Amino acid sequence: MRAVAIELTQQPFSYQPPGKLGGGGYKLSLHQIFILSGRAFIKVKAMEIGVTIYPRFVTKDKSLASVLADVKIKSYDFVSIFPHTLGLIVNGQVMEKKLKNIESTLKGVGIDYIVRMPTSMNLRDHIYHSRHFRVAKAVADVAIKLGAKVIVMQSGKTGRLDLEIEALQHLADMVKPFGIKIALENTYSVKDTLYVVDNVNRDNVGFALDVAHAFLSAQGDENKLLEDVKLGTDKTIILMIHDNFGKLFPQVEPEDALAYGVGDLHLLPGEGKIPFGKVLKLFGDVPILLKVKDPDKFARIPTKKGLIELLTSL
């Protein structure tokens, strides 16, 4: 039987597949999609999907409000912002006056938002740990004051793991009273990041599963990717998507990377080799964040509905 997808109305109802006679239709609830032929439930309608607002998207000719409006028009639910690139943090301190302006812009557009730590953040750095931690606390403070409910950050690459675990515990305790979760993103290895999450041992610290980074870690092996993803499904707070070819080598100059198809390219889904349809089947109702860095590609992102159709077709 061919796959049939049904977008539901406001009330649950019974659906009887074509060719099925008599009773025994499927009882479906609000905001679910049932895909037949042995495929799993995919709660597409209920999925919250957001877009990362990278610093280069906001320019003198394109204000933050304008960028947010473009995302809102395409029916996305939330955005991920970098507070430090919006001038909200200077020398480890929160700029309160600018914070009010950004808050007004976000609320004026009427779109939800999550907060992203600087990519340079490394809480394992034992030499400059206090500087990293000061900025981390400032970002957490911004999240509290803006009312964001998720902070995303990458786990450190080198240094003392014990310092990172202790710092994350402190940050988790700091934001917990405000209902904020910290989502730790895999730079590449899923197992390594989950190890940190487990050892932090806080119920408001979970996993930000970057599928594209996991694909690179799996060196483009689809089966290895799916095995790694399964390790983190229960702890995943947010699923991060962009595409690549699963190749790390040879190392080339940034301007040559696309020609060689190597590295963390941040392509639109479908432009690389990641089987997003198979990945999504492993999850229930988890928020999805699209991470496309190129401004031209960002301008061409589909609507939320179009992205869902694209992802489930891959």
C-alpha atoms as a PDB file:
ATOM      1  CA  MET A   1       0.000   0.000   0.000  1.00  0.00           C
ATOM      2  CA  ARG A   2       1.316   3.453  -0.823  1.00  0.00           C
ATOM      3  CA  ALA A   3       2.087   5.887   1.981  1.00  0.00           C
ATOM      4  CA  VAL A   4      -0.760   8.194   2.926  1.00  0.00           C
ATOM      5  CA  ALA A   5      -0.289  11.320   5.037  1.00  0.00           C
ATOM      6  CA  ILE A   6      -3.150  13.138   6.732  1.00  0.00           C
ATOM      7  CA  GLU A   7      -3.015  16.592   8.302  1.00  0.00           C
ATOM      8  CA  LEU A   8      -5.519  16.609  11.139  1.00  0.00           C
ATOM      9  CA  THR A   9      -8.188  19.109  12.088  1.00  0.00           C
ATOM     10  CA  GLN A  10      -8.993  20.289  15.599  1.00  0.00           C
ATOM     11  CA  GLN A  11     -10.776  17.111  16.710  1.00  0.00           C
ATOM     12  CA  PRO A  12      -9.601  13.488  16.834  1.00  0.00           C
ATOM     13  CA  PHE A  13     -11.278  11.251  14.299  1.00  0.00           C
ATOM     14  CA  SER A  14     -11.153   7.759  12.880  1.00  0.00           C
ATOM     15  CA  TYR A  15      -9.396   7.272   9.566  1.00  0.00           C
ATOM     16  CA  GLN A  16     -10.029   4.223   7.396  1.00  0.00           C
ATOM     17  CA  PRO A  17      -7.266   3.598   4.827  1.00  0.00           C
ATOM     18  CA  PRO A  18      -8.234   3.093   1.173  1.00  0.00           C
ATOM     19  CA  GLY A  19      -9.249  -0.491   0.492  1.00  0.00           C
ATOM     20  CA  LYS A  20      -9.884  -1.329   4.156  1.00  0.00           C
ATOM     21  CA  LEU A  21     -13.509  -2.453   4.513  1.00  0.00           C
ATOM     22  CA  GLY A  22     -15.578  -2.571   7.654  1.00  0.00           C
ATOM     23  CA  GLY A  23     -14.510  -1.210  11.043  1.00  0.00           C
ATOM     24  CA  GLY A  24     -11.080  -1.018  12.536  1.00  0.00           C
ATOM     25  CA  GLY A  25     -10.073   2.405  11.270  1.00  0.00           C
ATOM     26  CA  TYR A  26      -7.205   4.208  12.938  1.00  0.00           C
ATOM     27  CA  LYS A  27      -7.995   6.546  15.826  1.00  0.00           C
ATOM     28  CA  LEU A  28      -5.730   9.567  15.398  1.00  0.00           C
ATOM     29  CA  SER A  29      -5.189  12.450  17.812  1.00  0.00           C
ATOM     30  CA  LEU A  30      -4.589  16.135  17.217  1.00  0.00           C
ATOM     31  CA  HIS A  31      -1.406  17.147  15.353  1.00  0.00           C
ATOM     32  CA  GLN A  32      -0.257  13.682  14.363  1.00  0.00           C
ATOM     33  CA  ILE A  33       0.463  12.269  10.974  1.00  0.00           C
ATOM     34  CA  PHE A  34       0.140   8.582  10.399  1.00  0.00           C
ATOM     35  CA  ILE A  35       2.203   7.199   7.554  1.00  0.00           C
ATOM     36  CA  LEU A  36       1.159   3.769   6.393  1.00  0.00           C
ATOM     37  CA  SER A  37       3.077   0.875   4.814  1.00  0.00           C
ATOM     38  CA  GLY A  38       4.887   0.050   8.041  1.00  0.00           C
ATOM     39  CA  ARG A  39       6.345   3.529   8.497  1.00  0.00           C
ATOM     40  CA  ALA A  40       6.342   5.042  11.972  1.00  0.00           C
ATOM     41  CA  PHE A  41       4.244   7.839  13.438  1.00  0.00           C
ATOM     42  CA  ILE A  42       5.839  11.173  12.631  1.00  0.00           C
ATOM     43  CA  LYS A  43       4.366  14.066  14.570  1.00  0.00           C
ATOM     44  CA  VAL A  44       5.058  16.488  11.768  1.00  0.00           C
ATOM     45  CA  LYS A  45       2.308  18.951  12.475  1.00  0.00           C
ATOM     46  CA  ALA A  46       3.316  19.211  16.131  1.00  0.00           C
ATOM     47  CA  MET A  47       7.027  19.673  15.459  1.00  0.00           C
ATOM     48  CA  GLU A  48       8.461  23.001  16.494  1.00  0.00           C
ATOM     49  CA  ILE A  49      11.019  24.068  13.902  1.00  0.00           C
ATOM     50  CA  GLY A  50      13.391  26.994  14.207  1.00  0.00           C
ATOM     51  CA  VAL A  51      16.195  28.695  12.314  1.00  0.00           C
ATOM     52  CA  THR A  52      19.615  29.881  13.493  1.00  0.00           C
ATOM     53  CA  ILE A  53      20.222  33.602  13.015  1.00  0.00           C
ATOM     54  CA  TYR A  54      23.944  33.719  12.310  1.00  0.00           C
ATOM     55  CA  PRO A  55      25.773  37.042  12.872  1.00  0.00           C
ATOM     56  CA  ARG A  56      26.398  37.637   9.172  1.00  0.00           C
ATOM     57  CA  PHE A  57      22.641  37.696   8.483  1.00  0.00           C
ATOM     58  CA  VAL A  58      22.231  40.973  10.383  1.00  0.00           C
ATOM     59  CA  THR A  59      23.860  43.851   8.495  1.00  0.00           C
ATOM     60  CA  LYS A  60      23.521  47.602   8.130  1.00  0.00           C
ATOM     61  CA  ASP A  61      21.109  46.923   5.272  1.00  0.00           C
ATOM     62  CA  LYS A  62      19.206  44.105   6.998  1.00  0.00           C
ATOM     63  CA  SER A  63      18.154  44.689  10.597  1.00  0.00           C
ATOM     64  CA  LEU A  64      17.486  41.980  13.157  1.00  0.00           C
ATOM     65  CA  ALA A  65      13.782  42.834  13.048  1.00  0.00           C
ATOM     66  CA  SER A  66      13.744  42.357   9.270  1.00  0.00           C
ATOM     67  CA  VAL A  67      15.540  38.999   9.484  1.00  0.00           C
ATOM     68  CA  LEU A  68      13.148  37.800  12.186  1.00  0.00           C
ATOM     69  CA  ALA A  69      10.162  38.919  10.121  1.00  0.00           C
ATOM     70  CA  ASP A  70      11.417  36.883   7.143  1.00  0.00           C
ATOM     71  CA  VAL A  71      11.571  33.795   9.363  1.00  0.00           C
ATOM     72  CA  LYS A  72       8.160  34.496  10.872  1.00  0.00           C
ATOM     73  CA  ILE A  73       6.553  34.857   7.437  1.00  0.00           C
ATOM     74  CA  LYS A  74       7.738  31.346   6.563  1.00  0.00           C
ATOM     75  CA  SER A  75       5.857  30.016   9.622  1.00  0.00           C
ATOM     76  CA  TYR A  76       8.870  28.925  11.672  1.00  0.00           C
ATOM     77  CA  ASP A  77       8.289  28.694  15.412  1.00  0.00           C
ATOM     78  CA  PHE A  78      11.503  30.041  16.892  1.00  0.00           C
ATOM     79  CA  VAL A  79      14.999  31.348  16.223  1.00  0.00           C
ATOM     80  CA  SER A  80      18.396  30.729  17.785  1.00  0.00           C
ATOM     81  CA  ILE A  81      20.316  33.920  18.558  1.00  0.00           C
ATOM     82  CA  PHE A  82      23.908  34.687  19.573  1.00  0.00           C
ATOM     83  CA  PRO A  83      23.609  37.368  22.303  1.00  0.00           C
ATOM     84  CA  HIS A  84      27.286  38.331  22.188  1.00  0.00           C
ATOM     85  CA  THR A  85      27.145  39.153  18.456  1.00  0.00           C
ATOM     86  CA  LEU A  86      24.172  41.434  19.096  1.00  0.00           C
ATOM     87  CA  GLY A  87      26.302  43.538  21.435  1.00  0.00           C
ATOM     88  CA  LEU A  88      24.703  42.200  24.589  1.00  0.00           C
ATOM     89  CA  ILE A  89      27.930  41.035  26.239  1.00  0.00           C
ATOM     90  CA  VAL A  90      31.130  43.067  26.551  1.00  0.00           C
ATOM     91  CA  ASN A  91      34.106  41.889  28.612  1.00  0.00           C
ATOM     92  CA  GLY A  92      31.962  39.281  30.314  1.00  0.00           C
ATOM     93  CA  GLN A  93      29.283  41.802  31.326  1.00  0.00           C
ATOM     94  CA  VAL A  94      25.660  42.077  30.160  1.00  0.00           C
ATOM     95  CA  MET A  95      24.827  45.371  28.445  1.00  0.00           C
ATOM     96  CA  GLU A  96      21.479  46.098  30.077  1.00  0.00           C
ATOM     97  CA  LYS A  97      20.461  49.016  27.827  1.00  0.00           C
ATOM     98  CA  LYS A  98      21.007  47.047  24.634  1.00  0.00           C
ATOM     99  CA  LEU A  99      19.266  44.051  26.182  1.00  0.00           C
ATOM    100  CA  LYS A 100      16.015  45.991  26.438  1.00  0.00           C
ATOM    101  CA  ASN A 101      16.184  46.946  22.753  1.00  0.00           C
ATOM    102  CA  ILE A 102      16.769  43.347  21.660  1.00  0.00           C
ATOM    103  CA  GLU A 103      13.963  42.130  23.904  1.00  0.00           C
ATOM    104  CA  SER A 104      11.596  44.685  22.349  1.00  0.00           C
ATOM    105  CA  THR A 105      12.601  43.563  18.856  1.00  0.00           C
ATOM    106  CA  LEU A 106      12.083  39.870  19.610  1.00  0.00           C
ATOM    107  CA  LYS A 107       8.733  40.395  21.280  1.00  0.00           C
ATOM    108  CA  GLY A 108       7.654  42.900  18.641  1.00  0.00           C
ATOM    109  CA  VAL A 109       8.062  40.326  15.876  1.00  0.00           C
ATOM    110  CA  GLY A 110       6.346  37.726  18.041  1.00  0.00           C
ATOM    111  CA  ILE A 111       8.608  34.735  17.579  1.00  0.00           C
ATOM    112  CA  ASP A 112      10.088  32.463  20.246  1.00  0.00           C
ATOM    113  CA  TYR A 113      13.832  32.224  20.713  1.00  0.00           C
ATOM    114  CA  ILE A 114      16.602  30.167  22.228  1.00  0.00           C
ATOM    115  CA  VAL A 115      20.107  31.346  23.113  1.00  0.00           C
ATOM    116  CA  ARG A 116      23.460  30.174  21.809  1.00  0.00           C
ATOM    117  CA  MET A 117      26.822  30.336  23.602  1.00  0.00           C
ATOM    118  CA  PRO A 118      29.872  31.621  21.654  1.00  0.00           C
ATOM    119  CA  THR A 119      31.513  28.945  19.524  1.00  0.00           C
ATOM    120  CA  SER A 120      34.841  29.849  21.190  1.00  0.00           C
ATOM    121  CA  MET A 121      33.489  28.723  24.558  1.00  0.00           C
ATOM    122  CA  ASN A 122      35.731  26.071  26.122  1.00  0.00           C
ATOM    123  CA  LEU A 123      35.000  25.356  29.762  1.00  0.00           C
ATOM    124  CA  ARG A 124      37.796  22.744  29.737  1.00  0.00           C
ATOM    125  CA  ASP A 125      40.466  25.423  29.278  1.00  0.00           C
ATOM    126  CA  HIS A 126      42.341  25.368  32.596  1.00  0.00           C
ATOM    127  CA  ILE A 127      44.458  28.400  31.725  1.00  0.00           C
ATOM    128  CA  TYR A 128      41.652  30.803  30.824  1.00  0.00           C
ATOM    129  CA  HIS A 129      38.805  28.965  32.503  1.00  0.00           C
ATOM    130  CA  SER A 130      37.637  31.970  34.516  1.00  0.00           C
ATOM    131  CA  ARG A 131      37.279  34.074  31.353  1.00  0.00           C
ATOM    132  CA  HIS A 132      35.239  31.422  29.577  1.00  0.00           C
ATOM    133  CA  PHE A 133      33.083  30.863  32.638  1.00  0.00           C
ATOM    134  CA  ARG A 134      32.452  34.583  33.065  1.00  0.00           C
ATOM    135  CA  VAL A 135      31.102  34.820  29.520  1.00  0.00           C
ATOM    136  CA  ALA A 136      29.060  31.642  30.007  1.00  0.00           C
ATOM    137  CA  LYS A 137      27.406  33.116  33.101  1.00  0.00           C
ATOM    138  CA  ALA A 138      26.686  36.329  31.196  1.00  0.00           C
ATOM    139  CA  VAL A 139      24.967  34.377  28.409  1.00  0.00           C
ATOM    140  CA  ALA A 140      22.959  32.478  31.016  1.00  0.00           C
ATOM    141  CA  ASP A 141      21.971  35.806  32.571  1.00  0.00           C
ATOM    142  CA  VAL A 142      20.797  37.061  29.173  1.00  0.00           C
ATOM    143  CA  ALA A 143      18.721  33.912  28.710  1.00  0.00           C
ATOM    144  CA  ILE A 144      17.103  34.465  32.103  1.00  0.00           C
ATOM    145  CA  LYS A 145      16.312  38.121  31.397  1.00  0.00           C
ATOM    146  CA  LEU A 146      14.975  37.431  27.895  1.00  0.00           C
ATOM    147  CA  GLY A 147      12.871  34.527  29.107  1.00  0.00           C
ATOM    148  CA  ALA A 148      14.523  31.999  26.780  1.00  0.00           C
ATOM    149  CA  LYS A 149      13.978  28.371  27.746  1.00  0.00           C
ATOM    150  CA  VAL A 150      16.982  26.712  26.065  1.00  0.00           C
ATOM    151  CA  ILE A 151      20.699  27.524  25.997  1.00  0.00           C
ATOM    152  CA  VAL A 152      22.759  25.653  23.402  1.00  0.00           C
ATOM    153  CA  MET A 153      26.512  25.254  23.709  1.00  0.00           C
ATOM    154  CA  GLN A 154      29.235  23.018  22.342  1.00  0.00           C
ATOM    155  CA  SER A 155      31.266  20.801  24.616  1.00  0.00           C
ATOM    156  CA  GLY A 156      34.941  21.761  24.802  1.00  0.00           C
ATOM    157  CA  LYS A 157      37.419  19.995  22.546  1.00  0.00           C
ATOM    158  CA  THR A 158      40.576  19.989  24.666  1.00  0.00           C
ATOM    159  CA  GLY A 159      41.500  20.538  28.292  1.00  0.00           C
ATOM    160  CA  ARG A 160      40.246  19.316  31.651  1.00  0.00           C
ATOM    161  CA  LEU A 161      36.919  17.534  31.502  1.00  0.00           C
ATOM    162  CA  ASP A 162      36.393  17.912  35.252  1.00  0.00           C
ATOM    163  CA  LEU A 163      36.397  21.703  34.917  1.00  0.00           C
ATOM    164  CA  GLU A 164      33.743  21.574  32.216  1.00  0.00           C
ATOM    165  CA  ILE A 165      31.517  19.225  34.210  1.00  0.00           C
ATOM    166  CA  GLU A 166      31.754  21.385  37.327  1.00  0.00           C
ATOM    167  CA  ALA A 167      31.043  24.570  35.357  1.00  0.00           C
ATOM    168  CA  LEU A 168      28.024  23.017  33.638  1.00  0.00           C
ATOM    169  CA  GLN A 169      26.651  21.896  36.984  1.00  0.00           C
ATOM    170  CA  HIS A 170      26.943  25.451  38.285  1.00  0.00           C
ATOM    171  CA  LEU A 171      25.259  26.897  35.176  1.00  0.00           C
ATOM    172  CA  ALA A 172      22.489  24.295  35.333  1.00  0.00           C
ATOM    173  CA  ASP A 173      21.779  25.145  38.958  1.00  0.00           C
ATOM    174  CA  MET A 174      21.811  28.855  38.093  1.00  0.00           C
ATOM    175  CA  VAL A 175      19.153  28.621  35.359  1.00  0.00           C
ATOM    176  CA  LYS A 176      16.974  25.809  36.728  1.00  0.00           C
ATOM    177  CA  PRO A 177      14.713  28.088  38.830  1.00  0.00           C
ATOM    178  CA  PHE A 178      13.780  29.862  35.591  1.00  0.00           C
ATOM    179  CA  GLY A 179      12.804  26.693  33.736  1.00  0.00           C
ATOM    180  CA  ILE A 180      15.808  26.858  31.404  1.00  0.00           C
ATOM    181  CA  LYS A 181      17.497  23.800  29.926  1.00  0.00           C
ATOM    182  CA  ILE A 182      21.098  23.575  28.738  1.00  0.00           C
ATOM    183  CA  ALA A 183      21.565  21.565  25.549  1.00  0.00           C
ATOM    184  CA  LEU A 184      25.118  20.351  24.960  1.00  0.00           C
ATOM    185  CA  GLU A 185      25.946  20.032  21.262  1.00  0.00           C
ATOM    186  CA  ASN A 186      28.191  17.335  19.825  1.00  0.00           C
ATOM    187  CA  THR A 187      31.118  18.950  18.057  1.00  0.00           C
ATOM    188  CA  TYR A 188      31.466  15.602  16.313  1.00  0.00           C
ATOM    189  CA  SER A 189      31.308  12.461  18.480  1.00  0.00           C
ATOM    190  CA  VAL A 190      27.896  11.647  19.941  1.00  0.00           C
ATOM    191  CA  LYS A 191      29.365   9.293  22.560  1.00  0.00           C
ATOM    192  CA  ASP A 192      31.815  11.863  23.912  1.00  0.00           C
ATOM    193  CA  THR A 193      29.121  14.498  24.368  1.00  0.00           C
ATOM    194  CA  LEU A 194      26.693  12.071  25.994  1.00  0.00           C
ATOM    195  CA  TYR A 195      29.448  11.129  28.428  1.00  0.00           C
ATOM    196  CA  VAL A 196      29.623  14.754  29.546  1.00  0.00           C
ATOM    197  CA  VAL A 197      25.824  15.032  29.813  1.00  0.00           C
ATOM    198  CA  ASP A 198      25.687  11.883  31.949  1.00  0.00           C
ATOM    199  CA  ASN A 199      28.429  13.090  34.282  1.00  0.00           C
ATOM    200  CA  VAL A 200      26.946  16.551  34.727  1.00  0.00           C
ATOM    201  CA  ASN A 201      23.933  14.666  36.059  1.00  0.00           C
ATOM    202  CA  ARG A 202      21.396  17.501  36.102  1.00  0.00           C
ATOM    203  CA  ASP A 203      17.834  17.022  34.905  1.00  0.00           C
ATOM    204  CA  ASN A 204      17.919  20.323  33.001  1.00  0.00           C
ATOM    205  CA  VAL A 205      21.053  19.398  31.038  1.00  0.00           C
ATOM    206  CA  GLY A 206      20.531  17.359  27.891  1.00  0.00           C
ATOM    207  CA  PHE A 207      21.746  16.762  24.374  1.00  0.00           C
ATOM    208  CA  ALA A 208      21.672  19.047  21.334  1.00  0.00           C
ATOM    209  CA  LEU A 209      22.095  16.447  18.608  1.00  0.00           C
ATOM    210  CA  ASP A 210      23.749  17.971  15.561  1.00  0.00           C
ATOM    211  CA  VAL A 211      22.999  15.394  12.873  1.00  0.00           C
ATOM    212  CA  ALA A 212      25.514  16.832  10.418  1.00  0.00           C
ATOM    213  CA  HIS A 213      28.339  16.695  12.952  1.00  0.00           C
ATOM    214  CA  ALA A 214      27.377  13.106  13.773  1.00  0.00           C
ATOM    215  CA  PHE A 215      27.479  12.273  10.042  1.00  0.00           C
ATOM    216  CA  LEU A 216      31.023  13.612   9.820  1.00  0.00           C
ATOM    217  CA  SER A 217      31.978  11.615  12.914  1.00  0.00           C
ATOM    218  CA  ALA A 218      30.539   8.525  11.202  1.00  0.00           C
ATOM    219  CA  GLN A 219      32.623   9.417   8.108  1.00  0.00           C
ATOM    220  CA  GLY A 220      29.564   9.307   5.907  1.00  0.00           C
ATOM    221  CA  ASP A 221      28.534   5.794   6.961  1.00  0.00           C
ATOM    222  CA  GLU A 222      24.724   5.865   7.090  1.00  0.00           C
ATOM    223  CA  ASN A 223      24.401   2.832   9.361  1.00  0.00           C
ATOM    224  CA  LYS A 224      26.991   4.197  11.790  1.00  0.00           C
ATOM    225  CA  LEU A 225      25.167   7.526  11.825  1.00  0.00           C
ATOM    226  CA  LEU A 226      21.853   5.899  12.739  1.00  0.00           C
ATOM    227  CA  GLU A 227      23.533   3.784  15.436  1.00  0.00           C
ATOM    228  CA  ASP A 228      25.099   6.897  16.967  1.00  0.00           C
ATOM    229  CA  VAL A 229      21.862   8.877  16.778  1.00  0.00           C
ATOM    230  CA  LYS A 230      19.989   6.114  18.617  1.00  0.00           C
ATOM    231  CA  LEU A 231      22.381   6.538  21.553  1.00  0.00           C
ATOM    232  CA  GLY A 232      21.134  10.055  22.148  1.00  0.00           C
ATOM    233  CA  THR A 233      17.427   9.973  21.347  1.00  0.00           C
ATOM    234  CA  ASP A 234      16.246   9.817  24.968  1.00  0.00           C
ATOM    235  CA  LYS A 235      18.423  12.738  26.053  1.00  0.00           C
ATOM    236  CA  THR A 236      17.885  14.983  23.029  1.00  0.00           C
ATOM    237  CA  ILE A 237      16.455  18.412  23.832  1.00  0.00           C
ATOM    238  CA  ILE A 238      16.820  19.768  20.318  1.00  0.00           C
ATOM    239  CA  LEU A 239      17.701  18.225  16.935  1.00  0.00           C
ATOM    240  CA  MET A 240      20.014  20.342  14.776  1.00  0.00           C
ATOM    241  CA  ILE A 241      20.017  19.898  11.015  1.00  0.00           C
ATOM    242  CA  HIS A 242      22.165  20.947   8.060  1.00  0.00           C
ATOM    243  CA  ASP A 243      23.815  18.866   5.358  1.00  0.00           C
ATOM    244  CA  ASN A 244      27.243  17.694   4.212  1.00  0.00           C
ATOM    245  CA  PHE A 245      28.897  14.748   2.460  1.00  0.00           C
ATOM    246  CA  GLY A 246      30.320  12.987   5.519  1.00  0.00           C
ATOM    247  CA  LYS A 247      33.937  13.647   4.522  1.00  0.00           C
ATOM    248  CA  LEU A 248      36.615  15.242   6.719  1.00  0.00           C
ATOM    249  CA  PHE A 249      39.606  14.788   4.406  1.00  0.00           C
ATOM    250  CA  PRO A 250      41.645  16.009   2.677  1.00  0.00           C
ATOM    251  CA  GLN A 251      42.004  19.221   4.643  1.00  0.00           C
ATOM    252  CA  VAL A 252      41.580  22.134   2.265  1.00  0.00           C
ATOM    253  CA  GLU A 253      41.205  25.901   2.388  1.00  0.00           C
ATOM    254  CA  PRO A 254      37.687  27.074   3.355  1.00  0.00           C
ATOM    255  CA  GLU A 255      36.990  28.410  -0.137  1.00  0.00           C
ATOM    256  CA  ASP A 256      37.811  24.968  -1.582  1.00  0.00           C
ATOM    257  CA  ALA A 257      35.704  22.895   0.824  1.00  0.00           C
ATOM    258  CA  LEU A 258      32.536  22.741  -1.262  1.00  0.00           C
ATOM    259  CA  ALA A 259      34.440  21.755  -4.407  1.00  0.00           C
ATOM    260  CA  TYR A 260      35.975  18.833  -2.507  1.00  0.00           C
ATOM    261  CA  GLY A 261      32.787  18.112  -0.554  1.00  0.00           C
ATOM    262  CA  VAL A 262      34.663  18.033   2.742  1.00  0.00           C
ATOM    263  CA  GLY A 263      34.007  19.391   6.191  1.00  0.00           C
ATOM    264  CA  ASP A 264      31.175  21.048   8.062  1.00  0.00           C
ATOM    265  CA  LEU A 265      29.539  22.745   5.079  1.00  0.00           C
ATOM    266  CA  HIS A 266      26.197  23.747   6.656  1.00  0.00           C
ATOM    267  CA  LEU A 267      24.288  23.038   3.446  1.00  0.00           C
ATOM    268  CA  LEU A 268      20.526  22.978   3.108  1.00  0.00           C
ATOM    269  CA  PRO A 269      19.045  19.496   3.662  1.00  0.00           C
ATOM    270  CA  GLY A 270      19.108  17.625   0.375  1.00  0.00           C
ATOM    271  CA  GLU A 271      22.274  19.310  -0.878  1.00  0.00           C
ATOM    272  CA  GLY A 272      24.456  16.693   0.832  1.00  0.00           C
ATOM    273  CA  LYS A 273      24.096  13.002   1.661  1.00  0.00           C
ATOM    274  CA  ILE A 274      22.423  12.839   5.093  1.00  0.00           C
ATOM    275  CA  PRO A 275      19.325  10.559   5.235  1.00  0.00           C
ATOM    276  CA  PHE A 276      17.170  12.916   7.297  1.00  0.00           C
ATOM    277  CA  GLY A 277      13.993  10.906   6.749  1.00  0.00           C
ATOM    278  CA  LYS A 278      15.540   7.882   8.481  1.00  0.00           C
ATOM    279  CA  VAL A 279      16.885  10.052  11.295  1.00  0.00           C
ATOM    280  CA  LEU A 280      13.507  11.665  11.990  1.00  0.00           C
ATOM    281  CA  LYS A 281      11.854   8.259  12.341  1.00  0.00           C
ATOM    282  CA  LEU A 282      13.977   7.699  15.452  1.00  0.00           C
ATOM    283  CA  PHE A 283      12.416  10.669  17.258  1.00  0.00           C
ATOM    284  CA  GLY A 284       9.048  11.674  18.596  1.00  0.00           C
ATOM    285  CA  ASP A 285       8.057  15.280  19.106  1.00  0.00           C
ATOM    286  CA  VAL A 286      11.437  17.014  19.378  1.00  0.00           C
ATOM    287  CA  PRO A 287      12.203  20.624  18.336  1.00  0.00           C
ATOM    288  CA  ILE A 288      14.288  20.945  15.168  1.00  0.00           C
ATOM    289  CA  LEU A 289      16.782  23.725  14.448  1.00  0.00           C
ATOM    290  CA  LEU A 290      17.945  24.480  10.901  1.00  0.00           C
ATOM    291  CA  LYS A 291      21.569  25.695  10.759  1.00  0.00           C
ATOM    292  CA  VAL A 292      22.441  27.207   7.384  1.00  0.00           C
ATOM    293  CA  LYS A 293      25.318  29.692   7.508  1.00  0.00           C
ATOM    294  CA  ASP A 294      25.433  31.091   3.977  1.00  0.00           C
ATOM    295  CA  PRO A 295      23.272  34.251   3.665  1.00  0.00           C
ATOM    296  CA  ASP A 296      22.178  33.335   0.136  1.00  0.00           C
ATOM    297  CA  LYS A 297      21.085  29.866   1.236  1.00  0.00           C
ATOM    298  CA  PHE A 298      19.370  31.387   4.264  1.00  0.00           C
ATOM    299  CA  ALA A 299      17.358  33.633   1.952  1.00  0.00           C
ATOM    300  CA  ARG A 300      16.251  30.523   0.034  1.00  0.00           C
ATOM    301  CA  ILE A 301      15.145  28.362   2.946  1.00  0.00           C
ATOM    302  CA  PRO A 302      11.705  26.870   2.333  1.00  0.00           C
ATOM    303  CA  THR A 303       8.670  27.489   4.483  1.00  0.00           C
ATOM    304  CA  LYS A 304       8.263  25.333   7.566  1.00  0.00           C
ATOM    305  CA  LYS A 305       5.821  23.116   5.681  1.00  0.00           C
ATOM    306  CA  GLY A 306       8.208  22.879   2.742  1.00  0.00           C
ATOM    307  CA  LEU A 307      11.104  21.914   5.008  1.00  0.00           C
ATOM    308  CA  ILE A 308       9.035  19.159   6.631  1.00  0.00           C
ATOM    309  CA  GLU A 309       8.160  17.744   3.217  1.00  0.00           C
ATOM    310  CA  LEU A 310      11.813  17.933   2.171  1.00  0.00           C
ATOM    311  CA  LEU A 311      13.162  16.257   5.305  1.00  0.00           C
ATOM    312  CA  THR A 312      10.702  13.361   5.218  1.00  0.00           C
ATOM    313  CA  SER A 313      11.507  12.737   1.545  1.00  0.00           C
ATOM    314  CA  LEU A 314      15.256  12.291   2.079  1.00  0.00           C
END
